[in-house]
Amino acid sequence: MKFLRRLSLSQTLPSLCAIASLMLLLSPSPAAAESPQRQWAGNWLVVGEGDEQLVWQLRADGTGFAYGFGEGGRLSHGFAINWKLQGDRVRVRTGASVRCTGGVVAVAFTGWSPVTLNFAIVDGRHWLQDGGGLLSFQRRLSRWQTPRAGSECPKLAGS
């Protein structure tokens, strides 16, 4: 204890700075862990097996929406999603449902689904659902706007 009382700030400060720097270098940075998920963030035109066309709206914070479009490119259905990238796998849970009824967007939230959809990232733009089909991310949609409840049902053409 006598030794600790005799140390001055000028003697201990360099050691403390070195230890703090080493800890920062060894700890994973939050930005580095988030980077791959951020790369997928955006509005995507997606083609899935058995579907006309889909738009997946993925946000870097793990929220988003998925929309399905029928003949003529008009919104037919959709749902809110929570998604999480874990290595080469993506886990998705669905929530609020979005429908196009009488030309108007209707939204209903009954809680998050207990079922988690799991996808393997096959390559840069393909996700394979466990026990399901292949999703092909075709291109980003720069002009896509989130449909709001009560608004006119959007058409996919022109996005």
N, C-alpha and C. Protein backbone atom coordinates (compact mmCIF):
# COMPACT_ATOMS: atom_id res chain seq x y z
N MET A 1 0.81 -1.20 0.00
CA MET A 1 0.00 0.00 0.00
C MET A 1 0.86 1.26 0.00
N LYS A 2 2.03 1.20 0.71
CA LYS A 2 2.90 2.36 0.71
C LYS A 2 3.32 2.71 -0.71
N PHE A 3 3.58 1.67 -1.54
CA PHE A 3 4.02 1.87 -2.91
C PHE A 3 2.95 2.61 -3.72
N LEU A 4 1.71 2.22 -3.55
CA LEU A 4 0.62 2.86 -4.28
C LEU A 4 0.45 4.31 -3.89
N ARG A 5 0.66 4.62 -2.62
CA ARG A 5 0.52 6.01 -2.18
C ARG A 5 1.63 6.89 -2.74
N ARG A 6 2.79 6.32 -3.00
CA ARG A 6 3.92 7.10 -3.49
C ARG A 6 3.87 7.36 -4.99
N LEU A 7 3.10 6.56 -5.74
CA LEU A 7 3.05 6.75 -7.19
C LEU A 7 2.37 8.07 -7.53
N SER A 8 2.96 8.78 -8.45
CA SER A 8 2.35 10.03 -8.88
C SER A 8 1.57 9.78 -10.16
N LEU A 9 0.73 10.74 -10.51
CA LEU A 9 -0.07 10.64 -11.73
C LEU A 9 0.82 10.56 -12.96
N SER A 10 1.93 11.27 -12.96
CA SER A 10 2.84 11.25 -14.11
C SER A 10 3.49 9.88 -14.29
N GLN A 11 3.60 9.11 -13.21
CA GLN A 11 4.18 7.77 -13.31
C GLN A 11 3.15 6.74 -13.79
N THR A 12 1.91 6.88 -13.38
CA THR A 12 0.90 5.87 -13.69
C THR A 12 0.11 6.15 -14.96
N LEU A 13 0.03 7.40 -15.39
CA LEU A 13 -0.77 7.74 -16.55
C LEU A 13 -0.34 7.01 -17.82
N PRO A 14 0.96 6.94 -18.15
CA PRO A 14 1.34 6.20 -19.36
C PRO A 14 0.92 4.72 -19.31
N SER A 15 1.02 4.10 -18.17
CA SER A 15 0.63 2.68 -18.03
C SER A 15 -0.87 2.51 -18.21
N LEU A 16 -1.63 3.42 -17.60
CA LEU A 16 -3.09 3.34 -17.73
C LEU A 16 -3.52 3.55 -19.19
N CYS A 17 -2.88 4.49 -19.89
CA CYS A 17 -3.21 4.73 -21.30
C CYS A 17 -2.88 3.51 -22.15
N ALA A 18 -1.77 2.87 -21.87
CA ALA A 18 -1.37 1.68 -22.62
C ALA A 18 -2.38 0.54 -22.39
N ILE A 19 -2.81 0.35 -21.16
CA ILE A 19 -3.78 -0.70 -20.85
C ILE A 19 -5.12 -0.41 -21.52
N ALA A 20 -5.57 0.84 -21.46
CA ALA A 20 -6.84 1.22 -22.09
C ALA A 20 -6.76 1.02 -23.60
N SER A 21 -5.65 1.39 -24.23
CA SER A 21 -5.48 1.21 -25.68
C SER A 21 -5.52 -0.26 -26.05
N LEU A 22 -4.86 -1.09 -25.26
CA LEU A 22 -4.84 -2.53 -25.51
C LEU A 22 -6.25 -3.11 -25.40
N MET A 23 -7.01 -2.68 -24.41
CA MET A 23 -8.38 -3.17 -24.24
C MET A 23 -9.25 -2.76 -25.43
N LEU A 24 -9.09 -1.54 -25.93
CA LEU A 24 -9.86 -1.09 -27.09
C LEU A 24 -9.51 -1.89 -28.33
N LEU A 25 -8.23 -2.20 -28.51
CA LEU A 25 -7.81 -2.97 -29.67
C LEU A 25 -8.32 -4.40 -29.63
N LEU A 26 -8.39 -4.99 -28.45
CA LEU A 26 -8.81 -6.38 -28.32
C LEU A 26 -10.31 -6.57 -28.31
N SER A 27 -11.07 -5.54 -27.96
CA SER A 27 -12.52 -5.68 -27.92
C SER A 27 -13.11 -5.44 -29.30
N PRO A 28 -14.12 -6.25 -29.69
CA PRO A 28 -14.74 -6.04 -31.01
C PRO A 28 -15.51 -4.73 -31.02
N SER A 29 -15.40 -4.01 -32.10
CA SER A 29 -16.11 -2.74 -32.18
C SER A 29 -17.56 -3.00 -32.61
N PRO A 30 -18.52 -2.24 -32.06
CA PRO A 30 -19.93 -2.41 -32.46
C PRO A 30 -20.13 -2.14 -33.94
N ALA A 31 -19.42 -1.19 -34.51
CA ALA A 31 -19.58 -0.87 -35.93
C ALA A 31 -19.14 -2.04 -36.80
N ALA A 32 -18.07 -2.73 -36.41
CA ALA A 32 -17.59 -3.86 -37.21
C ALA A 32 -18.59 -5.01 -37.17
N ALA A 33 -19.22 -5.23 -36.02
CA ALA A 33 -20.20 -6.31 -35.91
C ALA A 33 -21.46 -5.99 -36.70
N GLU A 34 -21.77 -4.73 -36.86
CA GLU A 34 -22.99 -4.32 -37.53
C GLU A 34 -22.81 -4.18 -39.04
N SER A 35 -21.58 -4.09 -39.49
CA SER A 35 -21.29 -3.81 -40.88
C SER A 35 -21.96 -4.75 -41.88
N PRO A 36 -21.89 -6.09 -41.73
CA PRO A 36 -22.54 -6.95 -42.71
C PRO A 36 -24.06 -6.74 -42.78
N GLN A 37 -24.72 -6.51 -41.65
CA GLN A 37 -26.16 -6.27 -41.67
C GLN A 37 -26.46 -4.95 -42.37
N ARG A 38 -25.60 -3.98 -42.17
CA ARG A 38 -25.78 -2.69 -42.82
C ARG A 38 -25.68 -2.81 -44.34
N GLN A 39 -24.84 -3.74 -44.82
CA GLN A 39 -24.70 -3.93 -46.27
C GLN A 39 -26.00 -4.43 -46.90
N TRP A 40 -26.80 -5.18 -46.16
CA TRP A 40 -28.08 -5.70 -46.69
C TRP A 40 -29.19 -4.67 -46.56
N ALA A 41 -29.00 -3.64 -45.74
CA ALA A 41 -30.05 -2.65 -45.52
C ALA A 41 -30.41 -1.95 -46.82
N GLY A 42 -31.69 -1.74 -47.01
CA GLY A 42 -32.17 -1.05 -48.20
C GLY A 42 -33.47 -1.65 -48.69
N ASN A 43 -33.97 -1.13 -49.78
CA ASN A 43 -35.21 -1.60 -50.40
C ASN A 43 -34.82 -2.46 -51.60
N TRP A 44 -35.27 -3.70 -51.61
CA TRP A 44 -34.86 -4.66 -52.63
C TRP A 44 -36.05 -5.20 -53.42
N LEU A 45 -35.87 -5.34 -54.72
CA LEU A 45 -36.79 -6.10 -55.54
C LEU A 45 -36.32 -7.55 -55.42
N VAL A 46 -37.22 -8.43 -54.98
CA VAL A 46 -36.87 -9.82 -54.72
C VAL A 46 -37.79 -10.72 -55.52
N VAL A 47 -37.24 -11.79 -56.05
CA VAL A 47 -38.04 -12.80 -56.74
C VAL A 47 -37.91 -14.08 -55.93
N GLY A 48 -39.06 -14.68 -55.60
CA GLY A 48 -39.07 -15.93 -54.86
C GLY A 48 -39.77 -17.00 -55.66
N GLU A 49 -39.48 -18.25 -55.35
CA GLU A 49 -40.12 -19.36 -56.05
C GLU A 49 -41.62 -19.34 -55.76
N GLY A 50 -42.43 -19.36 -56.81
CA GLY A 50 -43.88 -19.40 -56.66
C GLY A 50 -44.52 -18.05 -56.40
N ASP A 51 -43.75 -16.98 -56.30
CA ASP A 51 -44.29 -15.65 -56.08
C ASP A 51 -44.15 -14.83 -57.35
N GLU A 52 -45.04 -13.85 -57.49
CA GLU A 52 -44.88 -12.90 -58.60
C GLU A 52 -43.61 -12.09 -58.35
N GLN A 53 -43.71 -11.05 -57.56
CA GLN A 53 -42.55 -10.24 -57.17
C GLN A 53 -42.73 -9.81 -55.73
N LEU A 54 -41.62 -9.57 -55.08
CA LEU A 54 -41.60 -9.14 -53.69
C LEU A 54 -40.73 -7.91 -53.55
N VAL A 55 -41.03 -7.10 -52.55
CA VAL A 55 -40.13 -6.04 -52.14
C VAL A 55 -39.81 -6.29 -50.67
N TRP A 56 -38.51 -6.38 -50.38
CA TRP A 56 -38.07 -6.50 -48.99
C TRP A 56 -37.42 -5.19 -48.61
N GLN A 57 -37.94 -4.60 -47.55
CA GLN A 57 -37.42 -3.34 -47.04
C GLN A 57 -36.67 -3.69 -45.75
N LEU A 58 -35.34 -3.71 -45.82
CA LEU A 58 -34.51 -4.11 -44.68
C LEU A 58 -33.80 -2.89 -44.12
N ARG A 59 -33.96 -2.67 -42.84
CA ARG A 59 -33.28 -1.55 -42.17
C ARG A 59 -32.12 -2.12 -41.36
N ALA A 60 -31.06 -1.34 -41.23
CA ALA A 60 -29.86 -1.79 -40.52
C ALA A 60 -30.13 -2.12 -39.06
N ASP A 61 -31.20 -1.55 -38.48
CA ASP A 61 -31.51 -1.82 -37.07
C ASP A 61 -32.24 -3.14 -36.87
N GLY A 62 -32.46 -3.90 -37.95
CA GLY A 62 -33.12 -5.21 -37.83
C GLY A 62 -34.62 -5.17 -37.99
N THR A 63 -35.18 -4.04 -38.37
CA THR A 63 -36.61 -3.96 -38.64
C THR A 63 -36.83 -3.92 -40.14
N GLY A 64 -38.07 -4.01 -40.58
CA GLY A 64 -38.35 -3.90 -41.99
C GLY A 64 -39.72 -4.41 -42.35
N PHE A 65 -39.95 -4.55 -43.64
CA PHE A 65 -41.22 -5.04 -44.17
C PHE A 65 -40.93 -5.92 -45.37
N ALA A 66 -41.84 -6.82 -45.67
CA ALA A 66 -41.81 -7.63 -46.88
C ALA A 66 -43.18 -7.50 -47.53
N TYR A 67 -43.21 -7.22 -48.83
CA TYR A 67 -44.45 -7.00 -49.55
C TYR A 67 -44.52 -7.95 -50.74
N GLY A 68 -45.72 -8.48 -51.02
CA GLY A 68 -45.94 -9.31 -52.19
C GLY A 68 -46.82 -8.60 -53.19
N PHE A 69 -46.53 -8.81 -54.47
CA PHE A 69 -47.27 -8.15 -55.54
C PHE A 69 -47.81 -9.20 -56.50
N GLY A 70 -49.06 -9.04 -56.86
CA GLY A 70 -49.72 -9.98 -57.77
C GLY A 70 -49.65 -9.50 -59.20
N GLU A 71 -50.54 -10.07 -60.00
CA GLU A 71 -50.60 -9.70 -61.41
C GLU A 71 -50.86 -8.20 -61.54
N GLY A 72 -50.24 -7.60 -62.51
CA GLY A 72 -50.41 -6.16 -62.72
C GLY A 72 -49.53 -5.32 -61.81
N GLY A 73 -48.75 -5.96 -60.94
CA GLY A 73 -47.83 -5.23 -60.07
C GLY A 73 -48.46 -4.54 -58.90
N ARG A 74 -49.72 -4.88 -58.54
CA ARG A 74 -50.39 -4.23 -57.42
C ARG A 74 -50.12 -4.99 -56.12
N LEU A 75 -49.94 -4.24 -55.02
CA LEU A 75 -49.71 -4.84 -53.71
C LEU A 75 -50.83 -5.81 -53.36
N SER A 76 -50.47 -7.03 -52.95
CA SER A 76 -51.48 -8.00 -52.55
C SER A 76 -51.40 -8.31 -51.06
N HIS A 77 -50.20 -8.32 -50.50
CA HIS A 77 -50.04 -8.65 -49.08
C HIS A 77 -48.67 -8.20 -48.61
N GLY A 78 -48.47 -8.24 -47.33
CA GLY A 78 -47.16 -7.92 -46.76
C GLY A 78 -47.17 -8.12 -45.26
N PHE A 79 -46.02 -7.91 -44.64
CA PHE A 79 -45.93 -8.05 -43.19
C PHE A 79 -44.68 -7.34 -42.69
N ALA A 80 -44.75 -6.92 -41.43
CA ALA A 80 -43.58 -6.34 -40.77
C ALA A 80 -42.64 -7.48 -40.43
N ILE A 81 -41.35 -7.19 -40.41
CA ILE A 81 -40.38 -8.23 -40.05
C ILE A 81 -39.34 -7.69 -39.08
N ASN A 82 -38.80 -8.59 -38.29
CA ASN A 82 -37.58 -8.37 -37.54
C ASN A 82 -36.58 -9.33 -38.14
N TRP A 83 -35.41 -8.87 -38.50
CA TRP A 83 -34.41 -9.74 -39.11
C TRP A 83 -33.06 -9.54 -38.44
N LYS A 84 -32.30 -10.64 -38.39
CA LYS A 84 -30.99 -10.59 -37.74
C LYS A 84 -30.02 -11.46 -38.51
N LEU A 85 -28.92 -10.88 -38.89
CA LEU A 85 -27.87 -11.59 -39.59
C LEU A 85 -26.95 -12.24 -38.56
N GLN A 86 -26.73 -13.54 -38.70
CA GLN A 86 -25.85 -14.28 -37.81
C GLN A 86 -24.89 -15.10 -38.66
N GLY A 87 -23.75 -14.51 -38.98
CA GLY A 87 -22.78 -15.17 -39.86
C GLY A 87 -23.34 -15.26 -41.26
N ASP A 88 -23.48 -16.49 -41.77
CA ASP A 88 -24.05 -16.68 -43.11
C ASP A 88 -25.51 -17.10 -43.05
N ARG A 89 -26.17 -16.80 -41.94
CA ARG A 89 -27.58 -17.14 -41.74
C ARG A 89 -28.36 -15.87 -41.41
N VAL A 90 -29.63 -15.88 -41.79
CA VAL A 90 -30.53 -14.77 -41.47
C VAL A 90 -31.76 -15.35 -40.79
N ARG A 91 -32.13 -14.76 -39.66
CA ARG A 91 -33.33 -15.17 -38.92
C ARG A 91 -34.37 -14.07 -39.06
N VAL A 92 -35.60 -14.46 -39.44
CA VAL A 92 -36.67 -13.48 -39.68
C VAL A 92 -37.91 -13.88 -38.89
N ARG A 93 -38.49 -12.90 -38.20
CA ARG A 93 -39.80 -13.08 -37.55
C ARG A 93 -40.76 -12.10 -38.17
N THR A 94 -42.01 -12.51 -38.32
CA THR A 94 -43.02 -11.64 -38.92
C THR A 94 -43.94 -11.06 -37.86
N GLY A 95 -44.52 -9.92 -38.20
CA GLY A 95 -45.43 -9.24 -37.27
C GLY A 95 -46.67 -8.75 -37.97
N ALA A 96 -46.85 -7.45 -38.01
CA ALA A 96 -48.05 -6.84 -38.58
C ALA A 96 -48.29 -7.32 -40.00
N SER A 97 -49.56 -7.52 -40.33
CA SER A 97 -49.89 -7.89 -41.72
C SER A 97 -50.36 -6.65 -42.47
N VAL A 98 -50.02 -6.61 -43.74
CA VAL A 98 -50.40 -5.51 -44.63
C VAL A 98 -51.21 -6.13 -45.76
N ARG A 99 -52.40 -5.55 -46.03
CA ARG A 99 -53.24 -6.06 -47.12
C ARG A 99 -53.69 -4.88 -47.97
N CYS A 100 -54.08 -5.21 -49.16
CA CYS A 100 -54.65 -4.22 -50.06
C CYS A 100 -56.12 -4.59 -50.21
N THR A 101 -56.99 -3.82 -49.60
CA THR A 101 -58.42 -4.09 -49.62
C THR A 101 -59.15 -2.91 -50.25
N GLY A 102 -59.82 -3.18 -51.36
CA GLY A 102 -60.57 -2.12 -52.04
C GLY A 102 -59.68 -0.98 -52.51
N GLY A 103 -58.44 -1.29 -52.87
CA GLY A 103 -57.52 -0.27 -53.36
C GLY A 103 -56.85 0.56 -52.28
N VAL A 104 -57.09 0.19 -51.00
CA VAL A 104 -56.53 0.94 -49.87
C VAL A 104 -55.69 0.00 -48.99
N VAL A 105 -54.56 0.51 -48.49
CA VAL A 105 -53.68 -0.27 -47.62
C VAL A 105 -54.32 -0.41 -46.24
N ALA A 106 -54.42 -1.66 -45.77
CA ALA A 106 -54.92 -1.95 -44.43
C ALA A 106 -53.81 -2.66 -43.65
N VAL A 107 -53.58 -2.24 -42.41
CA VAL A 107 -52.53 -2.81 -41.57
C VAL A 107 -53.15 -3.32 -40.28
N ALA A 108 -52.78 -4.54 -39.87
CA ALA A 108 -53.26 -5.12 -38.61
C ALA A 108 -52.08 -5.72 -37.86
N PHE A 109 -51.94 -5.41 -36.59
CA PHE A 109 -50.87 -5.98 -35.78
C PHE A 109 -51.47 -6.83 -34.68
N THR A 110 -51.15 -8.11 -34.71
CA THR A 110 -51.68 -9.02 -33.68
C THR A 110 -50.55 -9.63 -32.85
N GLY A 111 -49.36 -9.09 -32.96
CA GLY A 111 -48.21 -9.60 -32.22
C GLY A 111 -47.22 -10.27 -33.15
N TRP A 112 -46.05 -10.54 -32.62
CA TRP A 112 -45.00 -11.18 -33.42
C TRP A 112 -45.21 -12.67 -33.48
N SER A 113 -44.97 -13.25 -34.63
CA SER A 113 -45.12 -14.68 -34.83
C SER A 113 -44.12 -15.44 -33.96
N PRO A 114 -44.54 -16.55 -33.35
CA PRO A 114 -43.60 -17.36 -32.58
C PRO A 114 -42.66 -18.14 -33.51
N VAL A 115 -43.00 -18.22 -34.78
CA VAL A 115 -42.19 -18.96 -35.75
C VAL A 115 -41.08 -18.06 -36.29
N THR A 116 -39.87 -18.59 -36.34
CA THR A 116 -38.75 -17.87 -36.93
C THR A 116 -38.41 -18.53 -38.25
N LEU A 117 -38.31 -17.73 -39.29
CA LEU A 117 -37.90 -18.23 -40.60
C LEU A 117 -36.38 -18.12 -40.68
N ASN A 118 -35.74 -19.20 -41.07
CA ASN A 118 -34.29 -19.22 -41.16
C ASN A 118 -33.85 -19.34 -42.61
N PHE A 119 -32.90 -18.51 -42.98
CA PHE A 119 -32.37 -18.50 -44.34
C PHE A 119 -30.86 -18.67 -44.29
N ALA A 120 -30.32 -19.39 -45.25
CA ALA A 120 -28.88 -19.47 -45.44
C ALA A 120 -28.54 -18.53 -46.59
N ILE A 121 -27.50 -17.72 -46.41
CA ILE A 121 -27.06 -16.84 -47.48
C ILE A 121 -26.18 -17.69 -48.40
N VAL A 122 -26.70 -17.96 -49.60
CA VAL A 122 -26.01 -18.83 -50.54
C VAL A 122 -24.83 -18.10 -51.17
N ASP A 123 -25.07 -16.90 -51.65
CA ASP A 123 -24.02 -16.05 -52.21
C ASP A 123 -24.45 -14.60 -52.02
N GLY A 124 -23.86 -13.69 -52.74
CA GLY A 124 -24.14 -12.27 -52.56
C GLY A 124 -25.57 -11.84 -52.63
N ARG A 125 -26.44 -12.56 -53.38
CA ARG A 125 -27.81 -12.09 -53.53
C ARG A 125 -28.85 -13.19 -53.44
N HIS A 126 -28.54 -14.32 -52.87
CA HIS A 126 -29.51 -15.41 -52.79
C HIS A 126 -29.60 -15.94 -51.36
N TRP A 127 -30.84 -16.03 -50.87
CA TRP A 127 -31.11 -16.59 -49.55
C TRP A 127 -31.96 -17.84 -49.74
N LEU A 128 -31.58 -18.94 -49.13
CA LEU A 128 -32.31 -20.20 -49.21
C LEU A 128 -32.99 -20.46 -47.87
N GLN A 129 -34.32 -20.53 -47.89
CA GLN A 129 -35.07 -20.76 -46.66
C GLN A 129 -34.95 -22.22 -46.26
N ASP A 130 -34.76 -22.47 -44.95
CA ASP A 130 -34.72 -23.85 -44.45
C ASP A 130 -36.03 -24.53 -44.80
N GLY A 131 -35.96 -25.60 -45.57
CA GLY A 131 -37.16 -26.34 -45.95
C GLY A 131 -38.07 -25.57 -46.90
N GLY A 132 -37.56 -24.52 -47.52
CA GLY A 132 -38.40 -23.70 -48.39
C GLY A 132 -37.71 -23.35 -49.68
N GLY A 133 -38.10 -22.22 -50.23
CA GLY A 133 -37.62 -21.81 -51.54
C GLY A 133 -36.44 -20.86 -51.48
N LEU A 134 -36.02 -20.47 -52.65
CA LEU A 134 -34.89 -19.58 -52.82
C LEU A 134 -35.40 -18.16 -53.09
N LEU A 135 -34.84 -17.19 -52.38
CA LEU A 135 -35.12 -15.77 -52.64
C LEU A 135 -33.94 -15.20 -53.41
N SER A 136 -34.24 -14.48 -54.48
CA SER A 136 -33.20 -13.88 -55.30
C SER A 136 -33.36 -12.36 -55.23
N PHE A 137 -32.40 -11.70 -54.61
CA PHE A 137 -32.42 -10.25 -54.48
C PHE A 137 -31.93 -9.67 -55.81
N GLN A 138 -32.85 -9.09 -56.59
CA GLN A 138 -32.56 -8.65 -57.95
C GLN A 138 -31.82 -7.32 -58.01
N ARG A 139 -32.38 -6.31 -57.35
CA ARG A 139 -31.77 -4.97 -57.40
C ARG A 139 -32.36 -4.11 -56.30
N ARG A 140 -31.66 -3.05 -55.97
CA ARG A 140 -32.16 -2.09 -54.98
C ARG A 140 -33.16 -1.15 -55.65
N LEU A 141 -34.17 -0.76 -54.90
CA LEU A 141 -35.19 0.17 -55.38
C LEU A 141 -34.98 1.51 -54.71
N SER A 142 -34.48 2.45 -55.45
CA SER A 142 -34.14 3.76 -54.87
C SER A 142 -35.36 4.60 -54.54
N ARG A 143 -36.46 4.41 -55.27
CA ARG A 143 -37.63 5.28 -55.07
C ARG A 143 -38.75 4.61 -54.28
N TRP A 144 -38.52 3.48 -53.66
CA TRP A 144 -39.58 2.78 -52.94
C TRP A 144 -40.01 3.57 -51.71
N GLN A 145 -41.31 3.70 -51.51
CA GLN A 145 -41.88 4.37 -50.34
C GLN A 145 -42.69 3.35 -49.54
N THR A 146 -42.58 3.37 -48.24
CA THR A 146 -43.33 2.46 -47.39
C THR A 146 -44.82 2.77 -47.49
N PRO A 147 -45.65 1.77 -47.86
CA PRO A 147 -47.11 2.01 -47.91
C PRO A 147 -47.65 2.28 -46.51
N ARG A 148 -48.46 3.28 -46.37
CA ARG A 148 -49.06 3.65 -45.07
C ARG A 148 -50.53 3.22 -45.04
N ALA A 149 -51.00 2.88 -43.85
CA ALA A 149 -52.41 2.50 -43.68
C ALA A 149 -53.30 3.63 -44.18
N GLY A 150 -54.30 3.27 -44.98
CA GLY A 150 -55.24 4.24 -45.50
C GLY A 150 -54.83 4.87 -46.81
N SER A 151 -53.58 4.65 -47.23
CA SER A 151 -53.14 5.22 -48.50
C SER A 151 -53.53 4.29 -49.66
N GLU A 152 -53.42 4.80 -50.86
CA GLU A 152 -53.73 4.00 -52.05
C GLU A 152 -52.71 2.87 -52.17
N CYS A 153 -53.19 1.70 -52.58
CA CYS A 153 -52.29 0.56 -52.75
C CYS A 153 -51.27 0.84 -53.85
N PRO A 154 -50.00 0.67 -53.52
CA PRO A 154 -48.97 0.98 -54.52
C PRO A 154 -48.86 -0.10 -55.60
N LYS A 155 -48.34 0.32 -56.71
CA LYS A 155 -47.98 -0.62 -57.79
C LYS A 155 -46.46 -0.71 -57.81
N LEU A 156 -45.99 -1.87 -58.16
CA LEU A 156 -44.54 -2.07 -58.18
C LEU A 156 -43.89 -1.39 -59.37
N ALA A 157 -44.57 -1.32 -60.50
CA ALA A 157 -44.00 -0.68 -61.69
C ALA A 157 -43.62 0.75 -61.37
N GLY A 158 -42.46 1.15 -61.82
CA GLY A 158 -42.00 2.52 -61.61
C GLY A 158 -41.16 2.72 -60.37
N SER A 159 -40.96 1.66 -59.56
CA SER A 159 -40.12 1.82 -58.36
C SER A 159 -38.66 1.70 -58.70
